[in-house]
Amino acid sequence: MQQRTILHFCQKCRAGNPLGQEFCLRCGTKLMIVVEPASARVDSVETTPREEHLLERLTILENTLARLAERLEQGLKLQLRQSETTYTNHALVKSLIEILSECGIVDHDRLETMWRAECADFGNNEKTAPDPPSPQRKVRKATGES
């Protein structure tokens, strides 16, 4: 008669592993649940291998969450810096337009009408255009190359 052994399965490759195995025999992945036979279980004051395994998993999760929080904080800082830059650029353009209007070089109302029309055209073109032009195309057009 063939003896049947109880197995638990790897979460990555689904290979059967004998009870008490810490790493998968096929792919080497650390098994999520380390199952020990009842005869091997001993109550001890210290942490058991299963508790150590769970503590290790919790530590990995905590580290991952800490890195995620750092990245989110960096993203927030970048967004704040971008908003400050945008505000500064807007104030600069507004001041420039006012100075040019005072000197009589630019008609403020006409410039605003043209700007709104250009923005409306840009919005309509974005909705109908399949892909925006690549940055390289913009550079070539700006430098006069074809």
N, C-alpha and C. Protein backbone atom coordinates (compact mmCIF):
# COMPACT_ATOMS: atom_id res chain seq x y z
N MET A 1 0.81 -1.18 0.00
CA MET A 1 0.00 0.00 0.00
C MET A 1 0.86 1.25 0.00
N GLN A 2 0.36 2.23 -0.70
CA GLN A 2 1.09 3.49 -0.76
C GLN A 2 0.60 4.39 0.35
N GLN A 3 1.56 4.97 1.11
CA GLN A 3 1.20 5.84 2.21
C GLN A 3 0.95 7.25 1.69
N ARG A 4 -0.13 7.82 2.17
CA ARG A 4 -0.48 9.17 1.72
C ARG A 4 -0.03 10.18 2.75
N THR A 5 0.76 11.19 2.34
CA THR A 5 1.23 12.20 3.27
C THR A 5 0.37 13.45 3.11
N ILE A 6 0.18 14.15 4.20
CA ILE A 6 -0.58 15.39 4.17
C ILE A 6 0.34 16.50 3.71
N LEU A 7 -0.16 17.29 2.76
CA LEU A 7 0.63 18.37 2.19
C LEU A 7 -0.07 19.71 2.36
N HIS A 8 0.71 20.76 2.39
CA HIS A 8 0.13 22.09 2.21
C HIS A 8 0.79 22.68 0.98
N PHE A 9 0.10 23.60 0.33
CA PHE A 9 0.49 24.01 -1.00
C PHE A 9 1.10 25.41 -1.01
N CYS A 10 2.07 25.59 -1.91
CA CYS A 10 2.76 26.87 -2.09
C CYS A 10 1.79 27.89 -2.70
N GLN A 11 1.81 29.12 -2.17
CA GLN A 11 0.93 30.17 -2.69
C GLN A 11 1.38 30.67 -4.06
N LYS A 12 2.63 30.38 -4.46
CA LYS A 12 3.12 30.88 -5.75
C LYS A 12 2.96 29.83 -6.85
N CYS A 13 3.53 28.66 -6.64
CA CYS A 13 3.53 27.64 -7.71
C CYS A 13 2.55 26.50 -7.47
N ARG A 14 1.86 26.50 -6.34
CA ARG A 14 0.85 25.51 -5.99
C ARG A 14 1.41 24.09 -5.81
N ALA A 15 2.71 23.98 -5.58
CA ALA A 15 3.32 22.67 -5.37
C ALA A 15 3.01 22.19 -3.95
N GLY A 16 2.81 20.90 -3.80
CA GLY A 16 2.58 20.33 -2.48
C GLY A 16 3.88 20.23 -1.71
N ASN A 17 3.83 20.60 -0.44
CA ASN A 17 5.00 20.54 0.44
C ASN A 17 4.61 19.80 1.71
N PRO A 18 5.55 19.02 2.28
CA PRO A 18 5.23 18.30 3.51
C PRO A 18 4.99 19.26 4.67
N LEU A 19 4.24 18.78 5.64
CA LEU A 19 3.96 19.60 6.82
C LEU A 19 5.26 20.01 7.51
N GLY A 20 5.29 21.24 7.98
CA GLY A 20 6.47 21.73 8.68
C GLY A 20 7.51 22.36 7.77
N GLN A 21 7.32 22.26 6.48
CA GLN A 21 8.26 22.83 5.51
C GLN A 21 8.13 24.36 5.52
N GLU A 22 9.24 25.08 5.62
CA GLU A 22 9.20 26.54 5.67
C GLU A 22 9.29 27.15 4.27
N PHE A 23 10.04 26.53 3.37
CA PHE A 23 10.20 27.02 2.01
C PHE A 23 9.68 25.98 1.03
N CYS A 24 9.14 26.46 -0.10
CA CYS A 24 8.62 25.55 -1.12
C CYS A 24 9.76 24.74 -1.71
N LEU A 25 9.53 23.45 -1.86
CA LEU A 25 10.55 22.58 -2.42
C LEU A 25 10.77 22.82 -3.91
N ARG A 26 9.74 23.29 -4.62
CA ARG A 26 9.85 23.51 -6.06
C ARG A 26 10.44 24.88 -6.39
N CYS A 27 9.86 25.97 -5.84
CA CYS A 27 10.29 27.31 -6.26
C CYS A 27 11.08 28.07 -5.19
N GLY A 28 11.11 27.58 -3.97
CA GLY A 28 11.90 28.23 -2.92
C GLY A 28 11.20 29.38 -2.22
N THR A 29 9.94 29.65 -2.55
CA THR A 29 9.19 30.73 -1.92
C THR A 29 8.93 30.39 -0.46
N LYS A 30 9.06 31.40 0.41
CA LYS A 30 8.75 31.18 1.81
C LYS A 30 7.24 30.97 1.92
N LEU A 31 6.86 29.88 2.51
CA LEU A 31 5.45 29.52 2.58
C LEU A 31 4.73 30.43 3.57
N MET A 32 3.53 30.86 3.19
CA MET A 32 2.76 31.80 4.00
C MET A 32 2.32 31.17 5.32
N ILE A 33 1.94 29.92 5.29
CA ILE A 33 1.49 29.24 6.50
C ILE A 33 2.41 28.05 6.72
N VAL A 34 3.09 28.07 7.85
CA VAL A 34 3.95 26.94 8.19
C VAL A 34 3.12 26.04 9.10
N VAL A 35 2.83 24.86 8.60
CA VAL A 35 1.98 23.94 9.34
C VAL A 35 2.85 22.85 9.94
N GLU A 36 2.68 22.65 11.22
CA GLU A 36 3.46 21.61 11.91
C GLU A 36 2.51 20.50 12.36
N PRO A 37 2.97 19.30 12.36
CA PRO A 37 2.12 18.23 12.89
C PRO A 37 1.91 18.43 14.39
N ALA A 38 0.80 17.91 14.89
CA ALA A 38 0.45 18.09 16.30
C ALA A 38 1.54 17.56 17.22
N SER A 39 2.22 16.50 16.84
CA SER A 39 3.26 15.92 17.68
C SER A 39 4.47 16.84 17.82
N ALA A 40 4.66 17.77 16.86
CA ALA A 40 5.81 18.66 16.91
C ALA A 40 5.51 19.94 17.66
N ARG A 41 4.25 20.18 17.98
CA ARG A 41 3.87 21.41 18.68
C ARG A 41 4.23 21.29 20.15
N VAL A 42 4.97 22.28 20.62
CA VAL A 42 5.36 22.32 22.02
C VAL A 42 5.09 23.73 22.52
N ASP A 43 4.43 23.85 23.64
CA ASP A 43 4.20 25.17 24.21
C ASP A 43 5.50 25.65 24.82
N SER A 44 5.88 26.85 24.43
CA SER A 44 7.09 27.43 25.00
C SER A 44 6.84 28.90 25.28
N VAL A 45 7.63 29.45 26.17
CA VAL A 45 7.50 30.85 26.53
C VAL A 45 7.95 31.73 25.38
N GLU A 46 8.97 31.31 24.67
CA GLU A 46 9.49 32.08 23.53
C GLU A 46 8.53 31.98 22.35
N THR A 47 8.80 32.82 21.34
CA THR A 47 7.95 32.78 20.15
C THR A 47 8.21 31.51 19.37
N THR A 48 7.16 30.98 18.79
CA THR A 48 7.28 29.79 17.98
C THR A 48 7.67 30.20 16.57
N PRO A 49 8.11 29.25 15.73
CA PRO A 49 8.45 29.59 14.35
C PRO A 49 7.28 30.23 13.59
N ARG A 50 6.07 29.78 13.88
CA ARG A 50 4.90 30.35 13.21
C ARG A 50 4.74 31.82 13.60
N GLU A 51 4.90 32.13 14.88
CA GLU A 51 4.79 33.52 15.33
C GLU A 51 5.89 34.37 14.71
N GLU A 52 7.10 33.81 14.64
CA GLU A 52 8.20 34.54 14.01
C GLU A 52 7.89 34.82 12.54
N HIS A 53 7.31 33.84 11.89
CA HIS A 53 6.95 33.99 10.48
C HIS A 53 5.91 35.10 10.32
N LEU A 54 4.90 35.12 11.18
CA LEU A 54 3.87 36.15 11.12
C LEU A 54 4.46 37.52 11.46
N LEU A 55 5.34 37.58 12.45
CA LEU A 55 5.99 38.84 12.80
C LEU A 55 6.83 39.36 11.64
N GLU A 56 7.50 38.45 10.95
CA GLU A 56 8.29 38.85 9.77
C GLU A 56 7.38 39.42 8.69
N ARG A 57 6.25 38.78 8.45
CA ARG A 57 5.30 39.27 7.45
C ARG A 57 4.75 40.65 7.85
N LEU A 58 4.43 40.83 9.14
CA LEU A 58 3.95 42.12 9.61
C LEU A 58 5.01 43.21 9.45
N THR A 59 6.25 42.87 9.72
CA THR A 59 7.34 43.83 9.55
C THR A 59 7.48 44.24 8.09
N ILE A 60 7.36 43.28 7.20
CA ILE A 60 7.43 43.59 5.77
C ILE A 60 6.29 44.53 5.38
N LEU A 61 5.08 44.25 5.88
CA LEU A 61 3.93 45.12 5.59
C LEU A 61 4.15 46.52 6.16
N GLU A 62 4.66 46.61 7.37
CA GLU A 62 4.92 47.92 7.98
C GLU A 62 5.94 48.70 7.17
N ASN A 63 7.00 48.02 6.73
CA ASN A 63 8.02 48.70 5.92
C ASN A 63 7.45 49.17 4.59
N THR A 64 6.62 48.35 3.99
CA THR A 64 5.99 48.72 2.73
C THR A 64 5.09 49.93 2.91
N LEU A 65 4.31 49.94 3.98
CA LEU A 65 3.45 51.09 4.26
C LEU A 65 4.26 52.35 4.54
N ALA A 66 5.37 52.21 5.24
CA ALA A 66 6.23 53.37 5.53
C ALA A 66 6.80 53.94 4.23
N ARG A 67 7.25 53.06 3.32
CA ARG A 67 7.77 53.54 2.03
C ARG A 67 6.68 54.21 1.22
N LEU A 68 5.48 53.64 1.25
CA LEU A 68 4.35 54.24 0.54
C LEU A 68 4.02 55.62 1.10
N ALA A 69 4.04 55.75 2.42
CA ALA A 69 3.78 57.05 3.05
C ALA A 69 4.84 58.07 2.64
N GLU A 70 6.10 57.65 2.57
CA GLU A 70 7.17 58.55 2.13
C GLU A 70 6.96 58.99 0.69
N ARG A 71 6.59 58.06 -0.16
CA ARG A 71 6.36 58.41 -1.57
C ARG A 71 5.17 59.36 -1.73
N LEU A 72 4.11 59.12 -0.94
CA LEU A 72 2.96 60.02 -0.99
C LEU A 72 3.35 61.41 -0.51
N GLU A 73 4.17 61.48 0.51
CA GLU A 73 4.63 62.78 1.01
C GLU A 73 5.48 63.48 -0.05
N GLN A 74 6.35 62.74 -0.73
CA GLN A 74 7.14 63.33 -1.81
C GLN A 74 6.25 63.83 -2.93
N GLY A 75 5.22 63.06 -3.28
CA GLY A 75 4.28 63.48 -4.32
C GLY A 75 3.55 64.74 -3.92
N LEU A 76 3.15 64.84 -2.66
CA LEU A 76 2.48 66.04 -2.18
C LEU A 76 3.41 67.25 -2.26
N LYS A 77 4.67 67.07 -1.87
CA LYS A 77 5.63 68.17 -1.96
C LYS A 77 5.81 68.62 -3.41
N LEU A 78 5.88 67.66 -4.33
CA LEU A 78 6.02 68.01 -5.75
C LEU A 78 4.80 68.77 -6.26
N GLN A 79 3.62 68.34 -5.84
CA GLN A 79 2.40 69.05 -6.26
C GLN A 79 2.36 70.46 -5.70
N LEU A 80 2.76 70.63 -4.45
CA LEU A 80 2.79 71.97 -3.86
C LEU A 80 3.80 72.86 -4.58
N ARG A 81 4.96 72.31 -4.90
CA ARG A 81 5.97 73.07 -5.64
C ARG A 81 5.46 73.45 -7.02
N GLN A 82 4.76 72.52 -7.67
CA GLN A 82 4.18 72.80 -8.99
C GLN A 82 3.13 73.89 -8.91
N SER A 83 2.29 73.86 -7.88
CA SER A 83 1.26 74.89 -7.74
C SER A 83 1.88 76.26 -7.47
N GLU A 84 2.96 76.30 -6.69
CA GLU A 84 3.66 77.57 -6.45
C GLU A 84 4.25 78.11 -7.75
N THR A 85 4.85 77.22 -8.53
CA THR A 85 5.45 77.63 -9.81
C THR A 85 4.37 78.14 -10.76
N THR A 86 3.24 77.43 -10.80
CA THR A 86 2.14 77.84 -11.67
C THR A 86 1.60 79.21 -11.25
N TYR A 87 1.46 79.42 -9.96
CA TYR A 87 0.97 80.70 -9.46
C TYR A 87 1.95 81.82 -9.83
N THR A 88 3.24 81.57 -9.66
CA THR A 88 4.26 82.56 -10.00
C THR A 88 4.23 82.88 -11.49
N ASN A 89 4.14 81.85 -12.31
CA ASN A 89 4.08 82.06 -13.76
C ASN A 89 2.84 82.86 -14.16
N HIS A 90 1.71 82.56 -13.54
CA HIS A 90 0.48 83.29 -13.83
C HIS A 90 0.62 84.77 -13.45
N ALA A 91 1.19 85.02 -12.28
CA ALA A 91 1.38 86.40 -11.83
C ALA A 91 2.33 87.14 -12.77
N LEU A 92 3.37 86.47 -13.24
CA LEU A 92 4.33 87.08 -14.16
C LEU A 92 3.67 87.44 -15.48
N VAL A 93 2.89 86.53 -16.05
CA VAL A 93 2.21 86.79 -17.31
C VAL A 93 1.20 87.92 -17.15
N LYS A 94 0.46 87.89 -16.05
CA LYS A 94 -0.52 88.94 -15.80
C LYS A 94 0.15 90.31 -15.69
N SER A 95 1.27 90.38 -14.98
CA SER A 95 2.01 91.64 -14.85
C SER A 95 2.53 92.11 -16.20
N LEU A 96 3.04 91.19 -17.00
CA LEU A 96 3.57 91.51 -18.32
C LEU A 96 2.47 92.08 -19.22
N ILE A 97 1.30 91.46 -19.18
CA ILE A 97 0.17 91.93 -20.00
C ILE A 97 -0.25 93.32 -19.55
N GLU A 98 -0.29 93.55 -18.24
CA GLU A 98 -0.67 94.87 -17.74
C GLU A 98 0.32 95.94 -18.18
N ILE A 99 1.61 95.64 -18.11
CA ILE A 99 2.64 96.60 -18.54
C ILE A 99 2.52 96.89 -20.03
N LEU A 100 2.34 95.84 -20.83
CA LEU A 100 2.21 96.02 -22.28
C LEU A 100 0.93 96.78 -22.62
N SER A 101 -0.14 96.56 -21.84
CA SER A 101 -1.39 97.30 -22.06
C SER A 101 -1.20 98.78 -21.73
N GLU A 102 -0.51 99.07 -20.62
CA GLU A 102 -0.26 100.46 -20.23
C GLU A 102 0.58 101.19 -21.27
N CYS A 103 1.52 100.49 -21.88
CA CYS A 103 2.38 101.10 -22.90
C CYS A 103 1.66 101.22 -24.25
N GLY A 104 0.50 100.61 -24.38
CA GLY A 104 -0.25 100.67 -25.62
C GLY A 104 0.22 99.67 -26.67
N ILE A 105 1.03 98.73 -26.28
CA ILE A 105 1.55 97.73 -27.23
C ILE A 105 0.53 96.62 -27.44
N VAL A 106 -0.22 96.29 -26.40
CA VAL A 106 -1.17 95.19 -26.46
C VAL A 106 -2.55 95.70 -26.03
N ASP A 107 -3.57 95.28 -26.78
CA ASP A 107 -4.96 95.57 -26.41
C ASP A 107 -5.42 94.43 -25.49
N HIS A 108 -5.63 94.74 -24.22
CA HIS A 108 -5.93 93.73 -23.20
C HIS A 108 -7.19 92.93 -23.55
N ASP A 109 -8.26 93.61 -23.95
CA ASP A 109 -9.52 92.93 -24.27
C ASP A 109 -9.37 92.00 -25.47
N ARG A 110 -8.67 92.46 -26.48
CA ARG A 110 -8.46 91.65 -27.69
C ARG A 110 -7.60 90.42 -27.36
N LEU A 111 -6.56 90.64 -26.54
CA LEU A 111 -5.69 89.54 -26.15
C LEU A 111 -6.47 88.49 -25.36
N GLU A 112 -7.34 88.93 -24.45
CA GLU A 112 -8.13 87.99 -23.67
C GLU A 112 -9.10 87.22 -24.55
N THR A 113 -9.73 87.91 -25.53
CA THR A 113 -10.64 87.24 -26.46
C THR A 113 -9.90 86.18 -27.28
N MET A 114 -8.72 86.55 -27.77
CA MET A 114 -7.92 85.59 -28.54
C MET A 114 -7.49 84.41 -27.67
N TRP A 115 -7.12 84.68 -26.43
CA TRP A 115 -6.69 83.62 -25.51
C TRP A 115 -7.83 82.63 -25.25
N ARG A 116 -9.03 83.14 -24.98
CA ARG A 116 -10.18 82.27 -24.72
C ARG A 116 -10.52 81.43 -25.95
N ALA A 117 -10.43 82.03 -27.13
CA ALA A 117 -10.70 81.28 -28.37
C ALA A 117 -9.66 80.18 -28.56
N GLU A 118 -8.41 80.51 -28.28
CA GLU A 118 -7.33 79.52 -28.42
C GLU A 118 -7.53 78.37 -27.43
N CYS A 119 -7.91 78.69 -26.21
CA CYS A 119 -8.16 77.65 -25.19
C CYS A 119 -9.33 76.77 -25.61
N ALA A 120 -10.38 77.37 -26.16
CA ALA A 120 -11.54 76.59 -26.62
C ALA A 120 -11.14 75.66 -27.76
N ASP A 121 -10.35 76.18 -28.71
CA ASP A 121 -9.88 75.34 -29.82
C ASP A 121 -9.00 74.22 -29.31
N PHE A 122 -8.14 74.52 -28.35
CA PHE A 122 -7.25 73.50 -27.80
C PHE A 122 -8.06 72.40 -27.12
N GLY A 123 -9.09 72.79 -26.36
CA GLY A 123 -9.95 71.81 -25.70
C GLY A 123 -10.70 70.95 -26.70
N ASN A 124 -11.18 71.56 -27.79
CA ASN A 124 -11.89 70.78 -28.82
C ASN A 124 -10.95 69.85 -29.55
N ASN A 125 -9.74 70.32 -29.84
CA ASN A 125 -8.76 69.49 -30.54
C ASN A 125 -8.32 68.31 -29.69
N GLU A 126 -8.23 68.51 -28.38
CA GLU A 126 -7.83 67.42 -27.50
C GLU A 126 -8.88 66.32 -27.47
N LYS A 127 -10.15 66.70 -27.53
CA LYS A 127 -11.23 65.70 -27.49
C LYS A 127 -11.27 64.88 -28.77
N THR A 128 -10.94 65.49 -29.92
CA THR A 128 -11.02 64.78 -31.18
C THR A 128 -9.70 64.13 -31.58
N ALA A 129 -8.58 64.65 -31.10
CA ALA A 129 -7.27 64.10 -31.48
C ALA A 129 -7.03 62.78 -30.76
N PRO A 130 -6.54 61.74 -31.47
CA PRO A 130 -6.31 60.45 -30.82
C PRO A 130 -5.15 60.49 -29.83
N ASP A 131 -4.04 61.09 -30.21
CA ASP A 131 -2.86 61.15 -29.35
C ASP A 131 -2.27 62.55 -29.40
N PRO A 132 -1.82 63.07 -28.24
CA PRO A 132 -1.15 64.37 -28.28
C PRO A 132 0.22 64.22 -28.95
N PRO A 133 0.73 65.29 -29.55
CA PRO A 133 2.04 65.19 -30.19
C PRO A 133 3.12 64.92 -29.16
N SER A 134 4.15 64.20 -29.60
CA SER A 134 5.23 63.87 -28.68
C SER A 134 6.09 65.11 -28.42
N PRO A 135 6.80 65.14 -27.29
CA PRO A 135 7.65 66.30 -26.99
C PRO A 135 8.70 66.56 -28.06
N GLN A 136 9.19 65.51 -28.74
CA GLN A 136 10.19 65.71 -29.78
C GLN A 136 9.61 66.51 -30.95
N ARG A 137 8.35 66.24 -31.30
CA ARG A 137 7.72 66.99 -32.39
C ARG A 137 7.63 68.46 -32.03
N LYS A 138 7.26 68.75 -30.78
CA LYS A 138 7.14 70.14 -30.35
C LYS A 138 8.48 70.85 -30.46
N VAL A 139 9.55 70.16 -30.08
CA VAL A 139 10.87 70.77 -30.14
C VAL A 139 11.25 71.05 -31.59
N ARG A 140 10.97 70.11 -32.48
CA ARG A 140 11.31 70.30 -33.88
C ARG A 140 10.53 71.47 -34.48
N LYS A 141 9.25 71.57 -34.16
CA LYS A 141 8.45 72.67 -34.68
C LYS A 141 8.92 74.01 -34.12
N ALA A 142 9.31 73.99 -32.84
CA ALA A 142 9.76 75.24 -32.21
C ALA A 142 11.09 75.71 -32.79
N THR A 143 11.96 74.79 -33.18
CA THR A 143 13.26 75.16 -33.72
C THR A 143 13.22 75.38 -35.22
N GLY A 144 12.09 75.03 -35.83
CA GLY A 144 11.96 75.26 -37.28
C GLY A 144 12.36 74.08 -38.11
N GLU A 145 12.72 72.95 -37.47
CA GLU A 145 13.08 71.75 -38.23
C GLU A 145 11.83 71.01 -38.63
N SER A 146 11.88 70.25 -39.73
CA SER A 146 10.71 69.48 -40.16
C SER A 146 10.98 68.01 -40.01
